[in-house]
N, C-alpha and C. Protein backbone atom coordinates (compact mmCIF):
# COMPACT_ATOMS: atom_id res chain seq x y z
N MET A 1 0.84 -1.18 0.00
CA MET A 1 0.00 0.00 0.00
C MET A 1 0.89 1.25 0.00
N THR A 2 0.60 2.13 -0.90
CA THR A 2 1.36 3.37 -1.01
C THR A 2 0.60 4.50 -0.33
N THR A 3 1.32 5.28 0.44
CA THR A 3 0.70 6.44 1.06
C THR A 3 1.27 7.69 0.42
N THR A 4 0.42 8.66 0.24
CA THR A 4 0.87 9.92 -0.32
C THR A 4 0.78 10.98 0.77
N SER A 5 1.73 11.83 0.79
CA SER A 5 1.75 12.91 1.76
C SER A 5 0.79 14.00 1.33
N GLU A 6 0.18 14.59 2.32
CA GLU A 6 -0.66 15.75 2.05
C GLU A 6 0.22 16.88 1.54
N PRO A 7 -0.30 17.69 0.62
CA PRO A 7 0.50 18.83 0.14
C PRO A 7 0.80 19.80 1.28
N ARG A 8 2.00 20.35 1.24
CA ARG A 8 2.38 21.33 2.26
C ARG A 8 1.62 22.63 2.08
N PHE A 9 1.33 22.99 0.83
CA PHE A 9 0.67 24.25 0.54
C PHE A 9 -0.52 24.01 -0.37
N GLY A 10 -1.59 24.72 -0.09
CA GLY A 10 -2.80 24.62 -0.89
C GLY A 10 -3.00 25.85 -1.76
N LEU A 11 -4.13 25.88 -2.43
CA LEU A 11 -4.45 26.98 -3.33
C LEU A 11 -4.44 28.32 -2.60
N ASP A 12 -5.02 28.38 -1.42
CA ASP A 12 -5.06 29.66 -0.68
C ASP A 12 -3.66 30.18 -0.37
N ASP A 13 -2.75 29.27 0.01
CA ASP A 13 -1.37 29.66 0.30
C ASP A 13 -0.70 30.25 -0.94
N VAL A 14 -0.89 29.57 -2.06
CA VAL A 14 -0.27 30.00 -3.32
C VAL A 14 -0.84 31.34 -3.78
N LEU A 15 -2.16 31.48 -3.71
CA LEU A 15 -2.78 32.74 -4.14
C LEU A 15 -2.39 33.90 -3.23
N THR A 16 -2.26 33.65 -1.94
CA THR A 16 -1.82 34.70 -1.02
C THR A 16 -0.40 35.17 -1.38
N ALA A 17 0.49 34.22 -1.64
CA ALA A 17 1.86 34.58 -2.03
C ALA A 17 1.88 35.29 -3.37
N MET A 18 1.04 34.86 -4.29
CA MET A 18 0.99 35.49 -5.61
C MET A 18 0.44 36.91 -5.51
N ARG A 19 -0.57 37.11 -4.70
CA ARG A 19 -1.12 38.46 -4.51
C ARG A 19 -0.07 39.40 -3.93
N LYS A 20 0.73 38.90 -3.00
CA LYS A 20 1.80 39.72 -2.41
C LYS A 20 2.83 40.10 -3.47
N ALA A 21 3.19 39.15 -4.33
CA ALA A 21 4.15 39.45 -5.40
C ALA A 21 3.60 40.50 -6.35
N VAL A 22 2.33 40.39 -6.69
CA VAL A 22 1.70 41.36 -7.59
C VAL A 22 1.61 42.72 -6.91
N GLU A 23 1.30 42.72 -5.63
CA GLU A 23 1.27 43.97 -4.87
C GLU A 23 2.65 44.63 -4.87
N ASP A 24 3.69 43.84 -4.66
CA ASP A 24 5.05 44.37 -4.61
C ASP A 24 5.52 44.91 -5.96
N ARG A 25 5.24 44.20 -7.03
CA ARG A 25 5.70 44.59 -8.38
C ARG A 25 4.73 45.51 -9.10
N GLY A 26 3.46 45.40 -8.78
CA GLY A 26 2.43 46.17 -9.45
C GLY A 26 1.66 45.30 -10.43
N LYS A 27 0.36 45.54 -10.51
CA LYS A 27 -0.48 44.69 -11.36
C LYS A 27 -0.17 44.85 -12.84
N ASP A 28 0.47 45.96 -13.22
CA ASP A 28 0.80 46.18 -14.63
C ASP A 28 2.21 45.72 -14.98
N TYR A 29 2.90 45.09 -14.05
CA TYR A 29 4.27 44.62 -14.29
C TYR A 29 4.27 43.56 -15.38
N LEU A 30 5.21 43.69 -16.30
CA LEU A 30 5.42 42.71 -17.36
C LEU A 30 6.73 41.99 -17.09
N TYR A 31 6.68 40.68 -17.10
CA TYR A 31 7.86 39.87 -16.82
C TYR A 31 8.92 40.04 -17.90
N ASP A 32 10.16 40.13 -17.44
CA ASP A 32 11.34 40.17 -18.32
C ASP A 32 12.30 39.15 -17.76
N ASN A 33 12.69 38.17 -18.58
CA ASN A 33 13.53 37.10 -18.03
C ASN A 33 14.92 37.58 -17.62
N GLU A 34 15.26 38.81 -17.95
CA GLU A 34 16.49 39.48 -17.49
C GLU A 34 17.77 38.72 -17.83
N ARG A 35 17.67 37.80 -18.76
CA ARG A 35 18.84 37.04 -19.17
C ARG A 35 19.21 37.31 -20.62
N GLY A 36 18.46 38.20 -21.27
CA GLY A 36 18.78 38.57 -22.64
C GLY A 36 18.40 37.53 -23.68
N VAL A 37 17.59 36.58 -23.31
CA VAL A 37 17.16 35.53 -24.23
C VAL A 37 15.65 35.61 -24.33
N ASN A 38 15.15 36.06 -25.47
CA ASN A 38 13.72 36.29 -25.61
C ASN A 38 12.88 35.02 -25.67
N ASP A 39 13.43 33.94 -26.20
CA ASP A 39 12.62 32.73 -26.37
C ASP A 39 12.89 31.70 -25.29
N ALA A 40 13.45 32.11 -24.19
CA ALA A 40 13.85 31.15 -23.16
C ALA A 40 12.73 30.79 -22.21
N GLY A 41 11.58 31.41 -22.31
CA GLY A 41 10.52 31.14 -21.36
C GLY A 41 10.82 31.78 -20.03
N CYS A 42 10.27 31.20 -19.00
CA CYS A 42 10.37 31.75 -17.66
C CYS A 42 11.59 31.22 -16.93
N TYR A 43 12.24 32.10 -16.23
CA TYR A 43 13.28 31.72 -15.27
C TYR A 43 12.74 32.02 -13.89
N TYR A 44 12.82 31.07 -12.99
CA TYR A 44 12.32 31.26 -11.64
C TYR A 44 13.20 32.20 -10.84
N SER A 45 14.49 32.24 -11.18
CA SER A 45 15.42 33.08 -10.44
C SER A 45 16.23 33.95 -11.38
N LYS A 46 16.68 35.08 -10.85
CA LYS A 46 17.58 35.96 -11.57
C LYS A 46 19.00 35.41 -11.44
N PRO A 47 19.93 35.89 -12.26
CA PRO A 47 21.31 35.43 -12.13
C PRO A 47 21.89 35.63 -10.73
N ASP A 48 21.37 36.61 -9.96
CA ASP A 48 21.88 36.84 -8.61
C ASP A 48 21.21 35.94 -7.56
N GLY A 49 20.31 35.06 -8.01
CA GLY A 49 19.67 34.11 -7.09
C GLY A 49 18.40 34.60 -6.43
N THR A 50 17.91 35.77 -6.79
CA THR A 50 16.65 36.27 -6.26
C THR A 50 15.51 35.88 -7.20
N PRO A 51 14.26 35.92 -6.72
CA PRO A 51 13.14 35.52 -7.58
C PRO A 51 13.02 36.39 -8.83
N SER A 52 12.64 35.76 -9.92
CA SER A 52 12.48 36.45 -11.18
C SER A 52 11.02 36.45 -11.62
N CYS A 53 10.50 35.29 -11.98
CA CYS A 53 9.12 35.22 -12.48
C CYS A 53 8.13 35.11 -11.32
N LEU A 54 6.87 35.21 -11.64
CA LEU A 54 5.81 35.17 -10.64
C LEU A 54 5.84 33.87 -9.84
N VAL A 55 6.05 32.75 -10.51
CA VAL A 55 6.10 31.46 -9.82
C VAL A 55 7.32 31.41 -8.90
N GLY A 56 8.43 31.97 -9.33
CA GLY A 56 9.62 32.04 -8.48
C GLY A 56 9.34 32.83 -7.21
N TYR A 57 8.62 33.94 -7.34
CA TYR A 57 8.25 34.72 -6.17
C TYR A 57 7.40 33.89 -5.21
N VAL A 58 6.47 33.11 -5.77
CA VAL A 58 5.59 32.29 -4.94
C VAL A 58 6.40 31.23 -4.19
N ILE A 59 7.26 30.52 -4.90
CA ILE A 59 8.07 29.48 -4.25
C ILE A 59 8.90 30.09 -3.13
N ASN A 60 9.53 31.23 -3.40
CA ASN A 60 10.36 31.88 -2.39
C ASN A 60 9.54 32.28 -1.17
N ALA A 61 8.34 32.79 -1.39
CA ALA A 61 7.49 33.19 -0.27
C ALA A 61 7.04 31.99 0.55
N LEU A 62 6.80 30.87 -0.11
CA LEU A 62 6.33 29.67 0.60
C LEU A 62 7.45 28.98 1.36
N ASP A 63 8.63 28.89 0.73
CA ASP A 63 9.73 28.16 1.36
C ASP A 63 11.04 28.58 0.69
N HIS A 64 11.78 29.45 1.35
CA HIS A 64 13.00 30.00 0.77
C HIS A 64 14.02 28.90 0.45
N VAL A 65 14.12 27.90 1.28
CA VAL A 65 15.09 26.82 1.04
C VAL A 65 14.76 26.10 -0.27
N GLU A 66 13.49 25.81 -0.50
CA GLU A 66 13.10 25.17 -1.76
C GLU A 66 13.40 26.09 -2.94
N PHE A 67 13.19 27.39 -2.76
CA PHE A 67 13.50 28.33 -3.83
C PHE A 67 14.99 28.30 -4.16
N VAL A 68 15.84 28.29 -3.14
CA VAL A 68 17.28 28.23 -3.36
C VAL A 68 17.64 26.96 -4.13
N ASN A 69 17.00 25.85 -3.80
CA ASN A 69 17.25 24.60 -4.55
C ASN A 69 16.88 24.75 -6.02
N VAL A 70 15.75 25.38 -6.30
CA VAL A 70 15.32 25.61 -7.69
C VAL A 70 16.32 26.53 -8.39
N ALA A 71 16.72 27.60 -7.73
CA ALA A 71 17.67 28.55 -8.32
C ALA A 71 18.99 27.87 -8.66
N GLU A 72 19.45 27.00 -7.78
CA GLU A 72 20.71 26.29 -8.04
C GLU A 72 20.59 25.34 -9.21
N ARG A 73 19.48 24.66 -9.34
CA ARG A 73 19.27 23.74 -10.47
C ARG A 73 19.13 24.51 -11.78
N GLU A 74 18.56 25.69 -11.71
CA GLU A 74 18.31 26.47 -12.91
C GLU A 74 19.58 27.05 -13.52
N VAL A 75 20.63 27.19 -12.75
CA VAL A 75 21.89 27.76 -13.22
C VAL A 75 22.41 27.03 -14.45
N ASP A 76 22.29 25.71 -14.46
CA ASP A 76 22.82 24.91 -15.56
C ASP A 76 21.81 24.61 -16.65
N ARG A 77 20.63 25.20 -16.56
CA ARG A 77 19.59 24.94 -17.55
C ARG A 77 19.96 25.52 -18.90
N ASP A 78 19.72 24.77 -19.95
CA ASP A 78 19.91 25.26 -21.31
C ASP A 78 18.96 26.43 -21.52
N GLU A 79 19.46 27.54 -22.03
CA GLU A 79 18.63 28.75 -22.16
C GLU A 79 17.47 28.59 -23.11
N SER A 80 17.49 27.61 -24.00
CA SER A 80 16.37 27.43 -24.92
C SER A 80 15.33 26.45 -24.36
N GLU A 81 15.61 25.88 -23.21
CA GLU A 81 14.73 24.88 -22.62
C GLU A 81 13.64 25.56 -21.81
N GLN A 82 12.41 25.15 -22.02
CA GLN A 82 11.31 25.69 -21.22
C GLN A 82 11.44 25.17 -19.80
N SER A 83 11.05 25.97 -18.85
CA SER A 83 11.22 25.60 -17.44
C SER A 83 9.98 24.90 -16.90
N ASN A 84 9.84 23.63 -17.22
CA ASN A 84 8.71 22.84 -16.74
C ASN A 84 9.20 21.73 -15.83
N HIS A 85 10.15 22.04 -14.97
CA HIS A 85 10.79 21.03 -14.14
C HIS A 85 10.33 21.06 -12.70
N LEU A 86 9.37 21.84 -12.38
CA LEU A 86 9.11 22.08 -10.97
C LEU A 86 8.62 20.87 -10.20
N ARG A 87 7.35 20.69 -10.18
CA ARG A 87 6.72 19.74 -9.27
C ARG A 87 7.11 18.31 -9.61
N GLY A 88 7.72 17.66 -8.64
CA GLY A 88 8.13 16.28 -8.81
C GLY A 88 9.55 16.12 -9.31
N GLU A 89 10.15 17.20 -9.81
CA GLU A 89 11.54 17.15 -10.26
C GLU A 89 12.41 18.09 -9.44
N TRP A 90 12.10 19.38 -9.45
CA TRP A 90 12.92 20.35 -8.74
C TRP A 90 12.44 20.62 -7.33
N ILE A 91 11.16 20.42 -7.09
CA ILE A 91 10.61 20.52 -5.74
C ILE A 91 9.78 19.25 -5.50
N PRO A 92 9.55 18.89 -4.24
CA PRO A 92 8.79 17.67 -3.97
C PRO A 92 7.38 17.73 -4.56
N LYS A 93 6.90 16.59 -5.01
CA LYS A 93 5.56 16.53 -5.61
C LYS A 93 4.49 16.99 -4.64
N ASN A 94 4.70 16.79 -3.34
CA ASN A 94 3.70 17.22 -2.36
C ASN A 94 3.93 18.66 -1.87
N PHE A 95 4.73 19.43 -2.58
CA PHE A 95 5.00 20.82 -2.16
C PHE A 95 3.71 21.63 -2.15
N TRP A 96 2.93 21.53 -3.24
CA TRP A 96 1.62 22.18 -3.29
C TRP A 96 0.60 21.25 -3.88
N SER A 97 -0.65 21.59 -3.71
CA SER A 97 -1.76 20.75 -4.14
C SER A 97 -1.93 20.79 -5.66
N ASP A 98 -2.70 19.86 -6.17
CA ASP A 98 -3.00 19.84 -7.60
C ASP A 98 -3.70 21.12 -8.03
N GLU A 99 -4.62 21.59 -7.20
CA GLU A 99 -5.34 22.83 -7.51
C GLU A 99 -4.38 24.03 -7.54
N ALA A 100 -3.46 24.07 -6.61
CA ALA A 100 -2.46 25.13 -6.59
C ALA A 100 -1.57 25.04 -7.83
N ASP A 101 -1.21 23.82 -8.22
CA ASP A 101 -0.39 23.61 -9.41
C ASP A 101 -1.10 24.14 -10.66
N GLU A 102 -2.39 23.88 -10.75
CA GLU A 102 -3.19 24.36 -11.88
C GLU A 102 -3.20 25.89 -11.93
N ALA A 103 -3.35 26.52 -10.77
CA ALA A 103 -3.36 27.99 -10.71
C ALA A 103 -2.00 28.56 -11.10
N LEU A 104 -0.93 27.96 -10.62
CA LEU A 104 0.41 28.42 -10.96
C LEU A 104 0.71 28.24 -12.44
N TYR A 105 0.26 27.14 -13.01
CA TYR A 105 0.44 26.90 -14.43
C TYR A 105 -0.26 27.99 -15.24
N ALA A 106 -1.48 28.34 -14.83
CA ALA A 106 -2.23 29.39 -15.53
C ALA A 106 -1.49 30.72 -15.45
N ALA A 107 -1.04 31.07 -14.25
CA ALA A 107 -0.32 32.34 -14.08
C ALA A 107 0.93 32.37 -14.93
N GLN A 108 1.69 31.29 -14.91
CA GLN A 108 2.94 31.26 -15.68
C GLN A 108 2.68 31.33 -17.17
N ARG A 109 1.65 30.62 -17.61
CA ARG A 109 1.32 30.63 -19.04
C ARG A 109 1.00 32.05 -19.52
N TYR A 110 0.17 32.77 -18.76
CA TYR A 110 -0.17 34.14 -19.18
C TYR A 110 1.02 35.08 -19.04
N GLN A 111 1.77 34.95 -17.97
CA GLN A 111 2.96 35.77 -17.81
C GLN A 111 3.92 35.58 -18.98
N ASP A 112 4.14 34.33 -19.37
CA ASP A 112 5.11 34.00 -20.42
C ASP A 112 4.64 34.40 -21.82
N THR A 113 3.36 34.71 -21.96
CA THR A 113 2.86 35.17 -23.26
C THR A 113 2.68 36.68 -23.29
N GLY A 114 3.24 37.37 -22.28
CA GLY A 114 3.27 38.83 -22.32
C GLY A 114 2.16 39.54 -21.58
N GLU A 115 1.37 38.81 -20.82
CA GLU A 115 0.32 39.47 -20.02
C GLU A 115 0.93 40.04 -18.74
N THR A 116 0.24 40.99 -18.15
CA THR A 116 0.70 41.58 -16.90
C THR A 116 0.56 40.58 -15.75
N TRP A 117 1.27 40.88 -14.68
CA TRP A 117 1.14 40.02 -13.50
C TRP A 117 -0.27 40.10 -12.91
N GLY A 118 -0.92 41.24 -13.04
CA GLY A 118 -2.30 41.35 -12.57
C GLY A 118 -3.21 40.41 -13.34
N TYR A 119 -3.02 40.34 -14.65
CA TYR A 119 -3.80 39.43 -15.49
C TYR A 119 -3.49 37.98 -15.13
N ALA A 120 -2.20 37.68 -14.95
CA ALA A 120 -1.79 36.32 -14.58
C ALA A 120 -2.40 35.91 -13.24
N LEU A 121 -2.44 36.83 -12.29
CA LEU A 121 -3.06 36.55 -11.00
C LEU A 121 -4.55 36.27 -11.17
N ALA A 122 -5.23 37.08 -11.95
CA ALA A 122 -6.66 36.86 -12.18
C ALA A 122 -6.91 35.50 -12.82
N ALA A 123 -6.06 35.11 -13.75
CA ALA A 123 -6.20 33.79 -14.38
C ALA A 123 -5.99 32.69 -13.34
N ALA A 124 -5.02 32.88 -12.46
CA ALA A 124 -4.77 31.90 -11.41
C ALA A 124 -5.97 31.81 -10.46
N GLU A 125 -6.53 32.95 -10.12
CA GLU A 125 -7.70 32.96 -9.24
C GLU A 125 -8.90 32.27 -9.88
N ASN A 126 -8.95 32.28 -11.20
CA ASN A 126 -10.01 31.61 -11.95
C ASN A 126 -9.58 30.22 -12.43
N LEU A 127 -8.47 29.71 -11.89
CA LEU A 127 -7.94 28.39 -12.22
C LEU A 127 -7.80 28.16 -13.72
N GLY A 128 -7.18 29.15 -14.37
CA GLY A 128 -6.81 28.99 -15.76
C GLY A 128 -7.73 29.63 -16.75
N ALA A 129 -8.89 30.10 -16.33
CA ALA A 129 -9.80 30.75 -17.26
C ALA A 129 -9.23 32.12 -17.64
N ASP A 130 -9.60 32.60 -18.80
CA ASP A 130 -9.18 33.94 -19.20
C ASP A 130 -9.59 34.93 -18.11
N ALA A 131 -8.74 35.88 -17.88
CA ALA A 131 -8.99 36.84 -16.80
C ALA A 131 -10.05 37.89 -17.17
N ASP A 132 -10.37 38.01 -18.44
CA ASP A 132 -11.37 39.02 -18.85
C ASP A 132 -12.75 38.69 -18.37
């Protein structure tokens, strides 16, 4: 019999951290990967090891040690590789709930296609639905 651990963080935890990031950066903030590579997708951390994208801010707010682990793994990432390594690879699968994962995926998807962080947050709050 296999037992699964309860997620450490749920949707409310993730949305609270995301709202704080949007409050800090502003709802009209547009993500810039700050690495000079336009087609590289999202980077969770900046070259200096601080949070970069919205999901990176959320991970850092939830658990700084896990964020540092992600930042260290990301250093060697091929710049053309999309960053879809999180849950189950770079952080434990039980780090956040499935519902939280869906919300984060929605936020990242909109952020990476040029929407504002406010729009990405609204999409996350609607679990992936268009924010309009």
